[in-house]
Amino acid sequence: MTADVLAAHLKGQAHVGLYPLLDGDRCCWLAADFGGPEAMFDVLMYVKAGRAPQVPVALEVSRSGVGAHASVFFTAPVPAEAARRLGSGLLREAMALRGRMNLASYDRLFPSQDLLPAGGVGNLIAAPLFKPARRDGATVFLNMETLEPHKDQ
């Protein structure tokens, strides 16, 4: 990842994906992927589940425009297993809060595994803020108070 590659992504000249799993089986962020007609209801419960333990969850409209990524950003790399345990716990709490969440909208967590496979890179997730998608209101982060895109993405 270079400044030029990032700039090309933000300008819509290249589409960038990210591999959250780092060497040493660590990650700097965790994303829960939701999609389909119930995605926004379910992802909002996931965000709410983070409030009690004071886990700030950022909400991004996915590229499809009908899904969302709920991301937790860590101040330093953490073991992927611990990050995924946190994400699974938030998911269980979201199910309890929603009362009828059946996991139909939930796809998976990124990183998708606890350990980096030998010679592998893990699973790819599309980077946010891709210009052509931003024009359609997708790949943008939402203000949690208004559920509108942040003015300064």
Protein backbone atom coordinates (compact mmCIF):
# COMPACT_ATOMS: atom_id res chain seq x y z
CA MET A 1 0.00 0.00 0.00
CA THR A 2 1.44 3.32 -1.05
CA ALA A 3 0.09 6.86 -1.02
CA ASP A 4 -0.31 6.62 -4.82
CA VAL A 5 -2.33 3.39 -4.60
CA LEU A 6 -4.54 4.89 -1.90
CA ALA A 7 -5.04 8.07 -3.93
CA ALA A 8 -5.98 6.02 -7.00
CA HIS A 9 -8.57 4.15 -4.91
CA LEU A 10 -10.06 7.36 -3.52
CA LYS A 11 -10.21 8.85 -7.04
CA GLY A 12 -11.84 5.72 -8.46
CA GLN A 13 -8.91 4.82 -10.70
CA ALA A 14 -8.18 1.51 -8.92
CA HIS A 15 -10.23 -0.61 -6.56
CA VAL A 16 -8.30 -1.68 -3.47
CA GLY A 17 -8.98 -4.57 -1.14
CA LEU A 18 -7.48 -5.11 2.29
CA TYR A 19 -6.21 -8.19 4.10
CA PRO A 20 -6.77 -7.49 7.81
CA LEU A 21 -4.74 -10.48 9.07
CA LEU A 22 -1.13 -9.47 9.71
CA ASP A 23 2.00 -11.54 10.23
CA GLY A 24 2.03 -12.91 13.74
CA ASP A 25 -1.73 -13.66 13.56
CA ARG A 26 -2.65 -10.11 14.58
CA CYS A 27 -4.96 -7.44 13.19
CA CYS A 28 -5.52 -3.71 13.61
CA TRP A 29 -9.25 -3.85 12.91
CA LEU A 30 -12.20 -6.21 12.77
CA ALA A 31 -15.14 -5.94 10.39
CA ALA A 32 -18.47 -7.74 10.58
CA ASP A 33 -20.13 -8.05 7.17
CA PHE A 34 -23.93 -7.86 6.85
CA GLY A 35 -25.99 -7.97 3.66
CA GLY A 36 -29.54 -8.16 2.36
CA PRO A 37 -32.86 -6.57 3.27
CA GLU A 38 -32.46 -6.93 7.08
CA ALA A 39 -28.81 -5.85 7.11
CA MET A 40 -29.29 -2.33 8.48
CA PHE A 41 -31.56 -3.46 11.31
CA ASP A 42 -29.13 -6.20 12.31
CA VAL A 43 -25.97 -4.11 11.97
CA LEU A 44 -27.50 -1.37 14.13
CA MET A 45 -28.04 -3.96 16.86
CA TYR A 46 -24.39 -4.98 16.46
CA VAL A 47 -23.37 -1.33 16.90
CA LYS A 48 -25.65 -1.04 19.93
CA ALA A 49 -24.13 -4.22 21.39
CA GLY A 50 -20.79 -2.42 21.46
CA ARG A 51 -22.08 0.46 23.57
CA ALA A 52 -22.36 -1.28 26.96
CA PRO A 53 -18.74 -2.53 26.95
CA GLN A 54 -17.68 0.79 25.38
CA VAL A 55 -16.53 -0.75 22.10
CA PRO A 56 -16.86 1.95 19.43
CA VAL A 57 -18.15 0.45 16.20
CA ALA A 58 -17.88 2.36 12.91
CA LEU A 59 -20.61 1.75 10.36
CA GLU A 60 -19.90 1.71 6.61
CA VAL A 61 -22.42 1.15 3.83
CA SER A 62 -21.05 -1.72 1.75
CA ARG A 63 -20.40 -1.43 -1.96
CA SER A 64 -23.71 -3.10 -2.84
CA GLY A 65 -25.60 -0.33 -1.05
CA VAL A 66 -27.83 -2.91 0.67
CA GLY A 67 -25.36 -4.13 3.24
CA ALA A 68 -22.97 -2.78 5.82
CA HIS A 69 -19.62 -3.35 7.46
CA ALA A 70 -19.43 -2.75 11.20
CA SER A 71 -15.78 -2.15 12.09
CA VAL A 72 -13.84 -1.96 15.33
CA PHE A 73 -10.46 -0.25 15.03
CA PHE A 74 -7.79 -1.10 17.62
CA THR A 75 -5.11 1.33 18.79
CA ALA A 76 -2.44 -1.36 18.26
CA PRO A 77 -2.39 -4.81 16.65
CA VAL A 78 -4.21 -7.46 18.69
CA PRO A 79 -4.34 -11.23 18.32
CA ALA A 80 -6.84 -12.06 15.57
CA GLU A 81 -8.35 -14.74 17.80
CA ALA A 82 -9.15 -12.11 20.46
CA ALA A 83 -10.58 -9.71 17.88
CA ARG A 84 -12.78 -12.44 16.43
CA ARG A 85 -13.91 -13.46 19.92
CA LEU A 86 -14.95 -9.83 20.50
CA GLY A 87 -16.82 -9.78 17.19
CA SER A 88 -18.60 -13.05 17.98
CA GLY A 89 -19.58 -11.72 21.40
CA LEU A 90 -21.00 -8.55 19.86
CA LEU A 91 -22.91 -10.69 17.40
CA ARG A 92 -24.44 -12.80 20.20
CA GLU A 93 -25.40 -9.64 22.09
CA ALA A 94 -26.89 -8.13 18.91
CA MET A 95 -29.01 -11.26 18.48
CA ALA A 96 -30.28 -10.88 22.05
CA LEU A 97 -31.02 -7.17 21.56
CA ARG A 98 -32.77 -7.69 18.23
CA GLY A 99 -34.80 -10.53 19.64
CA ARG A 100 -35.35 -12.16 16.29
CA MET A 101 -32.06 -11.85 14.46
CA ASN A 102 -31.59 -15.15 12.65
CA LEU A 103 -28.17 -14.49 11.13
CA ALA A 104 -29.65 -14.30 7.63
CA SER A 105 -28.00 -10.90 7.09
CA TYR A 106 -24.71 -11.77 8.78
CA ASP A 107 -22.03 -13.01 6.40
CA ARG A 108 -18.72 -13.22 8.29
CA LEU A 109 -16.01 -11.51 10.25
CA PHE A 110 -12.81 -10.10 8.74
CA PRO A 111 -10.26 -11.37 9.49
CA SER A 112 -12.05 -14.62 8.73
CA GLN A 113 -9.57 -16.80 10.58
CA ASP A 114 -7.54 -16.73 13.78
CA LEU A 115 -4.27 -17.84 12.19
CA LEU A 116 -2.52 -16.75 9.03
CA PRO A 117 -2.27 -19.82 6.80
CA ALA A 118 1.26 -20.84 5.84
CA GLY A 119 2.10 -18.94 2.66
CA GLY A 120 -1.33 -17.28 2.69
CA VAL A 121 -2.64 -13.78 3.21
CA GLY A 122 -6.08 -14.39 4.70
CA ASN A 123 -9.35 -13.04 3.31
CA LEU A 124 -9.80 -9.86 1.30
CA ILE A 125 -12.38 -7.19 2.06
CA ALA A 126 -13.05 -4.19 -0.18
CA ALA A 127 -11.56 -0.96 1.10
CA PRO A 128 -14.02 1.83 1.89
CA LEU A 129 -14.35 5.19 0.13
CA PHE A 130 -14.05 4.00 -3.49
CA LYS A 131 -15.09 7.11 -5.46
CA PRO A 132 -17.59 5.57 -7.94
CA ALA A 133 -19.38 3.82 -5.06
CA ARG A 134 -19.26 6.96 -2.88
CA ARG A 135 -21.22 8.82 -5.57
CA ASP A 136 -24.01 6.28 -5.02
CA GLY A 137 -23.85 6.60 -1.22
CA ALA A 138 -21.93 3.34 -0.76
CA THR A 139 -18.56 2.57 0.86
CA VAL A 140 -19.06 5.61 3.11
CA PHE A 141 -19.03 5.79 6.89
CA LEU A 142 -22.24 6.87 8.60
CA ASN A 143 -22.67 9.32 11.44
CA MET A 144 -24.17 7.19 14.21
CA GLU A 145 -26.39 10.04 15.42
CA THR A 146 -28.05 10.72 12.06
CA LEU A 147 -27.27 7.58 10.01
CA GLU A 148 -26.27 9.96 7.23
CA PRO A 149 -22.82 9.87 5.65
CA HIS A 150 -20.20 11.88 7.53
CA LYS A 151 -19.69 15.15 5.69
CA ASP A 152 -15.91 14.75 5.60
CA GLN A 153 -15.20 11.16 4.60
